[in-house]
Protein backbone atom coordinates (compact mmCIF):
# COMPACT_ATOMS: atom_id res chain seq x y z
CA MET A 1 0.00 0.00 0.00
CA ARG A 2 1.18 3.51 -0.76
CA ALA A 3 0.11 6.98 0.28
CA HIS A 4 0.83 8.99 -2.86
CA LEU A 5 1.66 12.68 -2.85
CA ARG A 6 -0.95 15.08 -4.20
CA LYS A 7 -0.39 18.84 -4.34
CA VAL A 8 -3.80 19.76 -2.97
CA THR A 9 -5.15 21.37 0.18
CA SER A 10 -5.89 19.36 3.28
CA SER A 11 -9.54 20.37 2.86
CA ALA A 12 -9.59 18.66 -0.54
CA LEU A 13 -8.12 15.48 0.94
CA LEU A 14 -10.79 15.45 3.64
CA GLN A 15 -13.71 15.09 1.22
CA PRO A 16 -14.73 11.40 0.85
CA ASP A 17 -16.21 12.03 -2.61
CA GLY A 18 -13.62 14.59 -3.70
CA GLU A 19 -12.04 14.51 -7.15
CA VAL A 20 -8.61 13.86 -5.65
CA TRP A 21 -9.73 10.33 -4.74
CA LEU A 22 -10.96 9.37 -8.22
CA ASP A 23 -7.58 8.10 -9.40
CA ALA A 24 -6.22 7.03 -6.01
CA LYS A 25 -5.09 3.39 -5.86
CA THR A 26 -7.54 1.29 -3.84
CA GLU A 27 -6.80 -1.86 -1.86
CA GLN A 28 -9.37 -4.46 -0.79
CA ILE A 29 -8.86 -5.35 2.88
CA ALA A 30 -10.35 -8.58 4.26
CA LEU A 31 -11.85 -8.39 7.75
CA THR A 32 -12.82 -11.06 10.25
CA GLY A 33 -14.60 -11.02 13.59
CA VAL A 34 -12.58 -10.77 16.78
CA PRO A 35 -12.87 -14.17 18.52
CA VAL A 36 -15.36 -14.16 21.38
CA SER A 37 -12.67 -15.78 23.52
CA MET A 38 -10.61 -12.59 23.22
CA GLN A 39 -13.23 -10.39 24.90
CA PRO A 40 -12.02 -8.67 28.10
CA THR A 41 -14.78 -9.99 30.41
CA ALA A 42 -16.47 -13.35 30.87
CA PHE A 43 -19.87 -11.63 30.77
CA ILE A 44 -19.30 -10.30 27.25
CA ALA A 45 -17.80 -13.58 26.06
CA ASN A 46 -20.71 -15.60 27.47
CA SER A 47 -23.43 -13.27 26.17
CA TRP A 48 -21.98 -13.46 22.63
CA THR A 49 -21.52 -17.20 22.48
CA GLY A 50 -23.16 -18.41 19.27
CA LYS A 51 -23.57 -14.89 17.84
CA LYS A 52 -21.65 -13.56 14.85
CA VAL A 53 -19.06 -10.92 15.67
CA GLY A 54 -17.77 -8.89 12.75
CA VAL A 55 -20.59 -8.50 10.23
CA VAL A 56 -18.51 -6.38 7.83
CA ASP A 57 -16.16 -8.74 5.97
CA SER A 58 -14.12 -6.27 3.90
CA LEU A 59 -13.39 -2.63 3.19
CA ARG A 60 -11.70 -0.60 0.45
CA PHE A 61 -8.74 1.55 1.45
CA SER A 62 -6.88 4.43 -0.20
CA ALA A 63 -4.24 6.80 1.15
CA LEU A 64 -2.91 10.19 0.01
CA HIS A 65 -0.85 13.00 1.50
CA ASN A 66 0.12 16.54 0.55
CA GLY A 67 3.44 16.75 2.38
CA GLU A 68 1.79 18.11 5.51
CA SER A 69 -1.24 15.93 6.20
CA LEU A 70 -2.01 12.24 5.71
CA ALA A 71 -5.51 11.24 4.51
CA LEU A 72 -6.82 7.69 4.86
CA ARG A 73 -10.05 6.80 3.05
CA LEU A 74 -12.16 3.77 4.02
CA GLU A 75 -15.31 2.55 2.28
CA TRP A 76 -17.46 -0.43 3.27
CA ALA A 77 -20.93 -1.84 2.71
CA ASP A 78 -23.43 -1.39 5.53
CA PRO A 79 -27.18 -2.02 5.13
CA SER A 80 -28.12 0.56 7.77
CA GLU A 81 -26.87 3.94 8.94
CA ASP A 82 -26.56 3.67 12.72
CA LEU A 83 -25.93 7.00 14.43
CA ASP A 84 -26.74 6.51 18.10
CA ILE A 85 -27.20 4.10 20.99
CA ASP A 86 -30.58 2.36 21.21
CA ASP A 87 -30.98 0.30 24.39
CA ASN A 88 -28.17 -2.25 24.83
CA ASP A 89 -28.20 -4.00 21.48
CA HIS A 90 -27.83 -1.15 18.97
CA PHE A 91 -24.81 1.14 18.81
CA PRO A 92 -23.27 3.71 16.45
CA ASP A 93 -21.35 2.43 13.45
CA GLY A 94 -17.62 2.94 13.76
CA ALA A 95 -14.22 2.38 12.21
CA ALA A 96 -10.58 2.70 13.17
CA VAL A 97 -7.09 2.54 11.79
CA LEU A 98 -4.34 1.14 14.00
CA PHE A 99 -0.58 1.76 13.99
CA PRO A 100 2.20 0.24 16.11
CA PHE A 101 4.52 2.70 17.82
CA ALA A 102 7.28 0.30 16.80
CA ALA A 103 7.09 -2.44 14.16
CA GLY A 104 6.15 -5.88 15.42
CA ALA A 105 3.66 -4.96 18.15
CA PRO A 106 1.09 -7.76 18.58
CA LEU A 107 -2.05 -6.83 16.67
CA ILE A 108 -4.72 -9.23 17.92
CA THR A 109 -4.13 -8.24 21.55
CA MET A 110 -4.04 -4.48 20.81
CA GLY A 111 -0.36 -4.28 21.66
CA SER A 112 1.37 -5.33 24.85
CA ALA A 113 2.85 -3.72 27.95
CA ASP A 114 6.14 -2.95 26.17
CA GLN A 115 4.80 -2.66 22.59
CA PRO A 116 1.91 -0.16 22.57
CA VAL A 117 -0.31 0.67 19.60
CA ASN A 118 -2.11 3.80 18.45
CA ALA A 119 -5.70 3.76 17.11
CA TRP A 120 -7.59 6.56 15.37
CA HIS A 121 -11.21 5.76 16.22
CA TRP A 122 -14.26 7.28 14.49
CA ARG A 123 -17.89 6.75 15.50
CA ALA A 124 -20.94 7.88 13.59
CA ASP A 125 -22.24 9.79 16.62
CA ARG A 126 -19.04 11.89 16.75
CA PRO A 127 -18.97 13.68 13.37
CA GLY A 128 -15.87 15.60 12.39
CA GLU A 129 -13.38 14.03 14.76
CA ALA A 130 -11.69 10.81 15.73
CA HIS A 131 -10.46 9.84 19.15
CA ASN A 132 -6.75 9.14 19.48
CA ASN A 133 -6.40 5.95 21.52
CA THR A 134 -3.39 4.14 22.90
CA ALA A 135 -3.42 0.53 24.08
CA ARG A 136 -1.00 -1.88 25.74
CA GLY A 137 -3.10 -5.03 25.54
CA ILE A 138 -6.71 -6.19 25.68
CA GLY A 139 -8.90 -3.93 27.81
CA THR A 140 -6.25 -1.19 28.22
CA THR A 141 -7.41 1.28 25.54
CA ARG A 142 -7.24 4.90 26.67
CA VAL A 143 -8.27 8.12 24.91
CA THR A 144 -5.52 10.74 24.79
CA LYS A 145 -5.53 14.39 23.74
CA GLY A 146 -3.54 16.46 21.28
CA ALA A 147 -3.52 14.33 18.11
CA GLU A 148 -6.12 16.52 16.34
CA ILE A 149 -7.50 13.93 13.93
CA GLN A 150 -10.22 15.22 11.61
CA THR A 151 -12.81 13.03 9.92
CA SER A 152 -15.42 13.40 7.22
CA ALA A 153 -17.98 10.64 6.64
CA ARG A 154 -20.87 10.11 4.25
CA TYR A 155 -23.46 7.33 4.16
CA GLU A 156 -25.00 6.74 0.75
CA ASP A 157 -26.52 3.81 -1.14
CA GLY A 158 -25.71 1.31 1.58
CA HIS A 159 -22.07 2.34 1.95
CA TRP A 160 -20.02 4.34 4.42
CA LYS A 161 -17.26 6.53 2.99
CA LEU A 162 -14.89 7.87 5.64
CA VAL A 163 -11.68 9.92 5.59
CA PHE A 164 -9.26 10.33 8.49
CA LEU A 165 -6.98 13.38 8.20
CA ARG A 166 -4.06 14.20 10.48
CA ALA A 167 -0.83 16.15 10.26
CA LEU A 168 1.99 13.75 9.43
CA ARG A 169 3.80 14.84 12.56
CA ARG A 170 2.41 15.98 15.90
CA ASP A 171 5.61 17.19 17.52
CA GLY A 172 5.56 17.19 21.29
CA ILE A 173 2.72 14.63 21.43
CA ASP A 174 4.06 11.20 22.42
CA SER A 175 0.66 9.46 22.51
CA THR A 176 0.26 9.33 18.73
CA VAL A 177 2.46 7.99 15.95
CA GLN A 178 4.83 10.38 14.18
CA LEU A 179 4.85 10.01 10.39
CA THR A 180 6.93 11.45 7.58
CA ALA A 181 7.26 11.31 3.80
CA GLY A 182 9.56 8.48 2.76
CA GLN A 183 8.56 6.33 5.72
CA THR A 184 7.06 2.84 5.67
CA THR A 185 4.86 1.99 8.61
CA GLN A 186 2.36 -0.71 9.50
CA ILE A 187 -1.41 -0.26 9.56
CA ALA A 188 -4.47 -2.34 10.45
CA PHE A 189 -8.23 -1.72 10.31
CA ALA A 190 -11.41 -2.28 12.29
CA VAL A 191 -15.15 -1.73 11.63
CA TRP A 192 -18.05 -1.85 14.08
CA GLU A 193 -21.56 -2.65 12.81
CA GLY A 194 -23.83 -0.83 15.26
CA SER A 195 -27.03 -2.66 14.32
CA ASN A 196 -25.33 -5.92 15.33
CA GLY A 197 -24.59 -4.57 18.80
CA GLU A 198 -20.88 -4.29 18.08
CA ARG A 199 -18.83 -1.98 20.32
CA GLY A 200 -15.58 -2.08 22.26
CA GLY A 201 -13.76 -5.30 21.42
CA LEU A 202 -16.72 -6.65 19.45
CA LYS A 203 -15.76 -5.74 15.88
CA ALA A 204 -14.46 -6.87 12.52
CA PHE A 205 -10.72 -6.36 12.05
CA SER A 206 -7.87 -7.07 9.68
CA PRO A 207 -6.02 -9.96 11.37
CA GLN A 208 -2.55 -8.93 10.20
CA TRP A 209 -0.53 -5.76 9.76
CA HIS A 210 -0.29 -4.23 6.28
CA GLU A 211 2.64 -2.11 5.15
CA LEU A 212 1.89 1.50 4.25
CA SER A 213 4.59 3.47 2.41
CA ILE A 214 4.30 7.26 2.42
CA ASP A 215 5.78 8.62 -0.82
């Protein structure tokens, strides 16, 4: 995967249906449900026994940058637009991209005590922003401040189209990955289908790291 350079404004990169994305190379990413046995509590694991976790089985991914900001575009099929919480079985749709702070961090466990990971997490009930999360293993995810990740999302014809946009570098912020042109990093993906009750660790995810080269 490559994030190609485009000499456009960051505002142009942020538009999911913008012209800049028309000729961007797209990759198909396979997703699978997180095993119920990996859930952080016995209550969640027991209540989901026999249910399908990870309804969304793939997404399409593209990446561009303009020398200052990195834009990551995700698109996936979803039969319903879920924007809020309804009782305890219906949650907002969501998606995330995940980076290791150093190559080789364990993906399926959301990092480890000495190999943390960084997730940019969007939910449909939080338009315009993504939370910057750090994790050092299952059940350790924490929201941190200062990453300033913008998002723009559109639901149309049974599909979500979502762009994450962040400055390549956030100097002075050690709770988010630092990126630069010419770098190759690792990236993974997750999608939550709200109408299936997915939230927290209940999600579809890419079970291995993918390499992302920033031109």
